Amino acid sequence: MYRRFNGRAPELDQTIDYLAGKIARDQHYDFRINDSYAQRVAFVLAAERPDLVRSRWVERVLDSQNPDGSWNYCWHGWCRGVFEFGYKYNPGHPTVQAAWMMTMLKYRYPTWIAEHYK
């Protein structure tokens, strides 16, 4: 959003690229499909780095969708924090994150879909 309202700058692009790489690394090691899982994929896509997104991440988000079309905040009692447990049902935030991720894939990066799902 900062780029959209304030324009591009080499320092900003470098920082966002660095963060996208670190977030992709975290995504590789965090197996819990909670609200931050879809959020990380969405951030990497918003950072214009679809090359860092693995198809397995997208498949895991899609596979964890509830029958009513929403997503859960926590994953089998594991919430965002490492030692945060509970069964919070807050479908709004994770559902928006997952929908944002899928919208970017479909409309901003259709070539990514073509490359990964032939």
N, C-alpha and C. Protein backbone atom coordinates (compact mmCIF):
# COMPACT_ATOMS: atom_id res chain seq x y z
N MET A 1 0.83 -1.19 0.00
CA MET A 1 0.00 0.00 0.00
C MET A 1 0.88 1.25 0.00
N TYR A 2 2.00 1.17 0.69
CA TYR A 2 2.89 2.32 0.74
C TYR A 2 3.37 2.67 -0.65
N ARG A 3 3.74 1.68 -1.43
CA ARG A 3 4.19 1.92 -2.80
C ARG A 3 3.09 2.59 -3.62
N ARG A 4 1.88 2.13 -3.43
CA ARG A 4 0.77 2.66 -4.23
C ARG A 4 0.53 4.14 -3.97
N PHE A 5 0.62 4.56 -2.73
CA PHE A 5 0.32 5.94 -2.39
C PHE A 5 1.54 6.87 -2.43
N ASN A 6 2.73 6.32 -2.26
CA ASN A 6 3.92 7.16 -2.18
C ASN A 6 4.93 6.90 -3.30
N GLY A 7 4.65 5.93 -4.14
CA GLY A 7 5.57 5.64 -5.24
C GLY A 7 6.68 4.68 -4.83
N ARG A 8 7.43 4.28 -5.83
CA ARG A 8 8.52 3.34 -5.62
C ARG A 8 9.79 4.10 -5.26
N ALA A 9 10.64 3.40 -4.54
CA ALA A 9 11.96 3.93 -4.19
C ALA A 9 12.89 2.72 -4.06
N PRO A 10 14.13 2.84 -4.49
CA PRO A 10 15.04 1.69 -4.41
C PRO A 10 15.19 1.12 -2.99
N GLU A 11 15.27 2.00 -2.00
CA GLU A 11 15.41 1.53 -0.61
C GLU A 11 14.16 0.78 -0.16
N LEU A 12 13.00 1.29 -0.53
CA LEU A 12 11.75 0.63 -0.17
C LEU A 12 11.65 -0.73 -0.85
N ASP A 13 11.96 -0.78 -2.14
CA ASP A 13 11.90 -2.05 -2.86
C ASP A 13 12.85 -3.08 -2.25
N GLN A 14 14.02 -2.63 -1.86
CA GLN A 14 15.01 -3.53 -1.25
C GLN A 14 14.50 -4.06 0.09
N THR A 15 13.90 -3.21 0.89
CA THR A 15 13.38 -3.63 2.18
C THR A 15 12.23 -4.60 2.03
N ILE A 16 11.31 -4.30 1.13
CA ILE A 16 10.17 -5.20 0.91
C ILE A 16 10.63 -6.54 0.35
N ASP A 17 11.60 -6.52 -0.54
CA ASP A 17 12.14 -7.77 -1.09
C ASP A 17 12.80 -8.60 0.01
N TYR A 18 13.55 -7.94 0.90
CA TYR A 18 14.18 -8.63 2.02
C TYR A 18 13.12 -9.27 2.93
N LEU A 19 12.07 -8.50 3.25
CA LEU A 19 11.00 -9.02 4.11
C LEU A 19 10.27 -10.18 3.44
N ALA A 20 10.02 -10.08 2.15
CA ALA A 20 9.34 -11.17 1.44
C ALA A 20 10.15 -12.45 1.51
N GLY A 21 11.46 -12.35 1.38
CA GLY A 21 12.32 -13.52 1.50
C GLY A 21 12.26 -14.14 2.89
N LYS A 22 12.27 -13.30 3.91
CA LYS A 22 12.20 -13.80 5.29
C LYS A 22 10.83 -14.42 5.58
N ILE A 23 9.78 -13.82 5.05
CA ILE A 23 8.44 -14.36 5.27
C ILE A 23 8.28 -15.69 4.54
N ALA A 24 8.84 -15.81 3.35
CA ALA A 24 8.80 -17.08 2.62
C ALA A 24 9.56 -18.16 3.39
N ARG A 25 10.67 -17.79 4.02
CA ARG A 25 11.42 -18.75 4.83
C ARG A 25 10.58 -19.21 6.02
N ASP A 26 9.91 -18.28 6.69
CA ASP A 26 9.04 -18.64 7.81
C ASP A 26 7.92 -19.56 7.34
N GLN A 27 7.38 -19.27 6.18
CA GLN A 27 6.28 -20.08 5.63
C GLN A 27 6.75 -21.51 5.39
N HIS A 28 7.98 -21.66 4.99
CA HIS A 28 8.54 -22.98 4.71
C HIS A 28 8.55 -23.86 5.96
N TYR A 29 8.80 -23.25 7.13
CA TYR A 29 8.95 -24.02 8.35
C TYR A 29 7.71 -24.06 9.24
N ASP A 30 6.74 -23.19 9.04
CA ASP A 30 5.55 -23.17 9.89
C ASP A 30 4.43 -23.94 9.20
N PHE A 31 4.08 -25.07 9.75
CA PHE A 31 3.09 -25.96 9.15
C PHE A 31 1.67 -25.67 9.58
N ARG A 32 1.45 -24.79 10.58
CA ARG A 32 0.11 -24.53 11.11
C ARG A 32 -0.68 -23.67 10.14
N ILE A 33 -1.83 -24.16 9.71
CA ILE A 33 -2.68 -23.42 8.78
C ILE A 33 -3.63 -22.55 9.60
N ASN A 34 -3.12 -21.43 10.06
CA ASN A 34 -3.95 -20.48 10.81
C ASN A 34 -4.03 -19.19 10.00
N ASP A 35 -4.50 -18.13 10.61
CA ASP A 35 -4.70 -16.91 9.84
C ASP A 35 -3.39 -16.33 9.31
N SER A 36 -2.30 -16.53 10.02
CA SER A 36 -1.03 -15.98 9.53
C SER A 36 -0.46 -16.77 8.35
N TYR A 37 -0.89 -18.01 8.17
CA TYR A 37 -0.41 -18.82 7.04
C TYR A 37 -0.84 -18.19 5.71
N ALA A 38 -2.13 -17.92 5.58
CA ALA A 38 -2.62 -17.27 4.35
C ALA A 38 -2.10 -15.84 4.24
N GLN A 39 -1.94 -15.19 5.38
CA GLN A 39 -1.45 -13.81 5.38
C GLN A 39 -0.02 -13.74 4.84
N ARG A 40 0.80 -14.71 5.17
CA ARG A 40 2.18 -14.70 4.66
C ARG A 40 2.20 -14.87 3.15
N VAL A 41 1.38 -15.77 2.62
CA VAL A 41 1.32 -15.94 1.17
C VAL A 41 0.83 -14.65 0.52
N ALA A 42 -0.19 -14.04 1.10
CA ALA A 42 -0.72 -12.79 0.54
C ALA A 42 0.33 -11.69 0.56
N PHE A 43 1.11 -11.60 1.64
CA PHE A 43 2.15 -10.56 1.71
C PHE A 43 3.20 -10.77 0.62
N VAL A 44 3.64 -12.00 0.45
CA VAL A 44 4.67 -12.27 -0.56
C VAL A 44 4.14 -11.91 -1.95
N LEU A 45 2.89 -12.21 -2.21
CA LEU A 45 2.29 -11.84 -3.51
C LEU A 45 2.16 -10.32 -3.63
N ALA A 46 1.73 -9.66 -2.56
CA ALA A 46 1.60 -8.20 -2.59
C ALA A 46 2.96 -7.53 -2.73
N ALA A 47 4.01 -8.19 -2.28
CA ALA A 47 5.37 -7.66 -2.42
C ALA A 47 5.94 -7.91 -3.81
N GLU A 48 5.08 -8.43 -4.69
CA GLU A 48 5.46 -8.69 -6.10
C GLU A 48 6.55 -9.74 -6.22
N ARG A 49 6.46 -10.77 -5.38
CA ARG A 49 7.42 -11.87 -5.43
C ARG A 49 6.72 -13.22 -5.56
N PRO A 50 5.91 -13.42 -6.61
CA PRO A 50 5.23 -14.71 -6.75
C PRO A 50 6.21 -15.86 -6.96
N ASP A 51 7.44 -15.55 -7.34
CA ASP A 51 8.44 -16.59 -7.52
C ASP A 51 8.79 -17.30 -6.21
N LEU A 52 8.51 -16.68 -5.08
CA LEU A 52 8.79 -17.28 -3.78
C LEU A 52 7.66 -18.17 -3.29
N VAL A 53 6.49 -18.07 -3.90
CA VAL A 53 5.31 -18.81 -3.44
C VAL A 53 5.35 -20.23 -4.00
N ARG A 54 5.18 -21.18 -3.12
CA ARG A 54 5.15 -22.59 -3.52
C ARG A 54 3.69 -23.03 -3.68
N SER A 55 3.46 -23.87 -4.66
CA SER A 55 2.08 -24.32 -4.91
C SER A 55 1.52 -25.08 -3.71
N ARG A 56 2.37 -25.75 -2.96
CA ARG A 56 1.89 -26.48 -1.79
C ARG A 56 1.28 -25.54 -0.75
N TRP A 57 1.82 -24.33 -0.63
CA TRP A 57 1.25 -23.37 0.31
C TRP A 57 -0.17 -23.00 -0.08
N VAL A 58 -0.36 -22.75 -1.36
CA VAL A 58 -1.70 -22.39 -1.85
C VAL A 58 -2.65 -23.56 -1.67
N GLU A 59 -2.20 -24.77 -1.97
CA GLU A 59 -3.03 -25.95 -1.81
C GLU A 59 -3.43 -26.16 -0.36
N ARG A 60 -2.51 -25.93 0.56
CA ARG A 60 -2.82 -26.09 1.98
C ARG A 60 -3.86 -25.08 2.44
N VAL A 61 -3.78 -23.85 1.95
CA VAL A 61 -4.78 -22.84 2.30
C VAL A 61 -6.14 -23.26 1.75
N LEU A 62 -6.18 -23.67 0.50
CA LEU A 62 -7.45 -24.07 -0.10
C LEU A 62 -8.03 -25.31 0.57
N ASP A 63 -7.18 -26.26 0.95
CA ASP A 63 -7.64 -27.48 1.61
C ASP A 63 -8.19 -27.22 3.01
N SER A 64 -7.78 -26.13 3.63
CA SER A 64 -8.23 -25.86 5.00
C SER A 64 -9.49 -25.01 5.06
N GLN A 65 -10.09 -24.74 3.91
CA GLN A 65 -11.32 -23.94 3.89
C GLN A 65 -12.46 -24.72 4.54
N ASN A 66 -13.25 -24.04 5.34
CA ASN A 66 -14.41 -24.65 6.00
C ASN A 66 -15.53 -24.87 4.99
N PRO A 67 -16.47 -25.77 5.31
CA PRO A 67 -17.60 -26.01 4.41
C PRO A 67 -18.44 -24.76 4.12
N ASP A 68 -18.45 -23.79 5.07
CA ASP A 68 -19.23 -22.57 4.84
C ASP A 68 -18.46 -21.53 4.02
N GLY A 69 -17.23 -21.85 3.59
CA GLY A 69 -16.44 -20.93 2.78
C GLY A 69 -15.46 -20.08 3.55
N SER A 70 -15.48 -20.17 4.87
CA SER A 70 -14.58 -19.36 5.69
C SER A 70 -13.32 -20.14 6.04
N TRP A 71 -12.40 -19.47 6.74
CA TRP A 71 -11.19 -20.11 7.26
C TRP A 71 -11.12 -19.87 8.75
N ASN A 72 -10.43 -20.73 9.48
CA ASN A 72 -10.32 -20.61 10.93
C ASN A 72 -9.13 -19.75 11.33
N TYR A 73 -9.24 -19.16 12.50
CA TYR A 73 -8.17 -18.37 13.08
C TYR A 73 -7.05 -19.27 13.60
N CYS A 74 -7.42 -20.38 14.22
CA CYS A 74 -6.45 -21.31 14.80
C CYS A 74 -6.47 -22.63 14.03
N TRP A 75 -5.41 -23.38 14.18
CA TRP A 75 -5.27 -24.67 13.50
C TRP A 75 -5.18 -25.76 14.56
N HIS A 76 -6.23 -26.52 14.72
CA HIS A 76 -6.28 -27.63 15.68
C HIS A 76 -5.79 -27.21 17.07
N GLY A 77 -6.19 -26.02 17.50
CA GLY A 77 -5.82 -25.52 18.81
C GLY A 77 -4.53 -24.72 18.85
N TRP A 78 -3.76 -24.73 17.75
CA TRP A 78 -2.53 -23.94 17.68
C TRP A 78 -2.86 -22.61 17.04
N CYS A 79 -2.72 -21.55 17.81
CA CYS A 79 -3.01 -20.22 17.27
C CYS A 79 -1.74 -19.58 16.75
N ARG A 80 -1.70 -18.27 16.63
CA ARG A 80 -0.56 -17.61 16.01
C ARG A 80 0.74 -17.78 16.79
N GLY A 81 0.69 -17.56 18.09
CA GLY A 81 1.90 -17.67 18.89
C GLY A 81 2.30 -19.12 19.09
N VAL A 82 3.58 -19.35 19.32
CA VAL A 82 4.07 -20.71 19.50
C VAL A 82 3.41 -21.38 20.70
N PHE A 83 3.20 -20.63 21.78
CA PHE A 83 2.59 -21.20 22.97
C PHE A 83 1.17 -20.71 23.19
N GLU A 84 0.52 -20.28 22.16
CA GLU A 84 -0.86 -19.80 22.25
C GLU A 84 -1.79 -20.91 21.77
N PHE A 85 -2.59 -21.42 22.67
CA PHE A 85 -3.52 -22.49 22.34
C PHE A 85 -4.94 -21.98 22.55
N GLY A 86 -5.87 -22.57 21.86
CA GLY A 86 -7.26 -22.21 22.02
C GLY A 86 -8.04 -22.60 20.78
N TYR A 87 -9.32 -22.33 20.82
CA TYR A 87 -10.18 -22.63 19.68
C TYR A 87 -10.99 -21.39 19.34
N LYS A 88 -10.29 -20.34 19.01
CA LYS A 88 -10.97 -19.10 18.66
C LYS A 88 -11.65 -19.26 17.31
N TYR A 89 -12.84 -18.77 17.22
CA TYR A 89 -13.52 -18.80 15.93
C TYR A 89 -13.73 -17.35 15.50
N ASN A 90 -12.83 -16.87 14.69
CA ASN A 90 -12.88 -15.51 14.17
C ASN A 90 -12.70 -15.63 12.66
N PRO A 91 -13.75 -16.01 11.94
CA PRO A 91 -13.56 -16.30 10.52
C PRO A 91 -13.27 -15.08 9.66
N GLY A 92 -13.53 -13.88 10.15
CA GLY A 92 -13.38 -12.69 9.33
C GLY A 92 -11.96 -12.45 8.85
N HIS A 93 -11.02 -12.36 9.76
CA HIS A 93 -9.64 -12.03 9.40
C HIS A 93 -8.99 -13.10 8.51
N PRO A 94 -9.00 -14.38 8.89
CA PRO A 94 -8.37 -15.37 8.02
C PRO A 94 -9.08 -15.53 6.68
N THR A 95 -10.38 -15.32 6.66
CA THR A 95 -11.12 -15.44 5.39
C THR A 95 -10.73 -14.32 4.44
N VAL A 96 -10.59 -13.12 4.95
CA VAL A 96 -10.17 -12.00 4.11
C VAL A 96 -8.75 -12.23 3.60
N GLN A 97 -7.86 -12.73 4.46
CA GLN A 97 -6.48 -12.99 4.03
C GLN A 97 -6.44 -14.03 2.91
N ALA A 98 -7.19 -15.11 3.07
CA ALA A 98 -7.21 -16.16 2.04
C ALA A 98 -7.86 -15.66 0.75
N ALA A 99 -8.92 -14.88 0.87
CA ALA A 99 -9.57 -14.34 -0.32
C ALA A 99 -8.64 -13.36 -1.04
N TRP A 100 -7.91 -12.56 -0.27
CA TRP A 100 -6.94 -11.64 -0.87
C TRP A 100 -5.85 -12.40 -1.62
N MET A 101 -5.37 -13.48 -1.01
CA MET A 101 -4.35 -14.32 -1.64
C MET A 101 -4.86 -14.88 -2.97
N MET A 102 -6.07 -15.44 -2.96
CA MET A 102 -6.62 -16.04 -4.17
C MET A 102 -6.93 -14.99 -5.24
N THR A 103 -7.39 -13.82 -4.82
CA THR A 103 -7.67 -12.74 -5.78
C THR A 103 -6.39 -12.29 -6.47
N MET A 104 -5.31 -12.14 -5.71
CA MET A 104 -4.05 -11.75 -6.33
C MET A 104 -3.54 -12.81 -7.29
N LEU A 105 -3.67 -14.08 -6.90
CA LEU A 105 -3.23 -15.14 -7.81
C LEU A 105 -4.03 -15.12 -9.11
N LYS A 106 -5.32 -14.96 -8.99
CA LYS A 106 -6.17 -15.03 -10.18
C LYS A 106 -6.01 -13.80 -11.08
N TYR A 107 -5.98 -12.62 -10.52
CA TYR A 107 -6.02 -11.41 -11.34
C TYR A 107 -4.67 -10.73 -11.53
N ARG A 108 -3.77 -10.85 -10.58
CA ARG A 108 -2.47 -10.19 -10.72
C ARG A 108 -1.41 -11.14 -11.25
N TYR A 109 -1.53 -12.42 -10.90
CA TYR A 109 -0.50 -13.40 -11.30
C TYR A 109 -1.12 -14.63 -11.97
N PRO A 110 -1.89 -14.45 -13.03
CA PRO A 110 -2.47 -15.63 -13.69
C PRO A 110 -1.41 -16.53 -14.32
N THR A 111 -0.26 -15.96 -14.65
CA THR A 111 0.82 -16.82 -15.20
C THR A 111 1.36 -17.78 -14.14
N TRP A 112 1.32 -17.37 -12.86
CA TRP A 112 1.75 -18.27 -11.80
C TRP A 112 0.85 -19.50 -11.77
N ILE A 113 -0.45 -19.28 -11.90
CA ILE A 113 -1.40 -20.40 -11.91
C ILE A 113 -1.13 -21.29 -13.12
N ALA A 114 -0.92 -20.69 -14.28
CA ALA A 114 -0.65 -21.47 -15.49
C ALA A 114 0.63 -22.30 -15.35
N GLU A 115 1.63 -21.75 -14.70
CA GLU A 115 2.90 -22.47 -14.53
C GLU A 115 2.79 -23.62 -13.53
N HIS A 116 2.00 -23.45 -12.49
CA HIS A 116 1.95 -24.44 -11.42
C HIS A 116 0.80 -25.44 -11.53
N TYR A 117 -0.18 -25.10 -12.34
CA TYR A 117 -1.36 -25.99 -12.48
C TYR A 117 -1.68 -26.18 -13.95
N LYS A 118 -0.91 -27.02 -14.60
CA LYS A 118 -1.11 -27.28 -16.03
C LYS A 118 -2.11 -28.36 -16.24
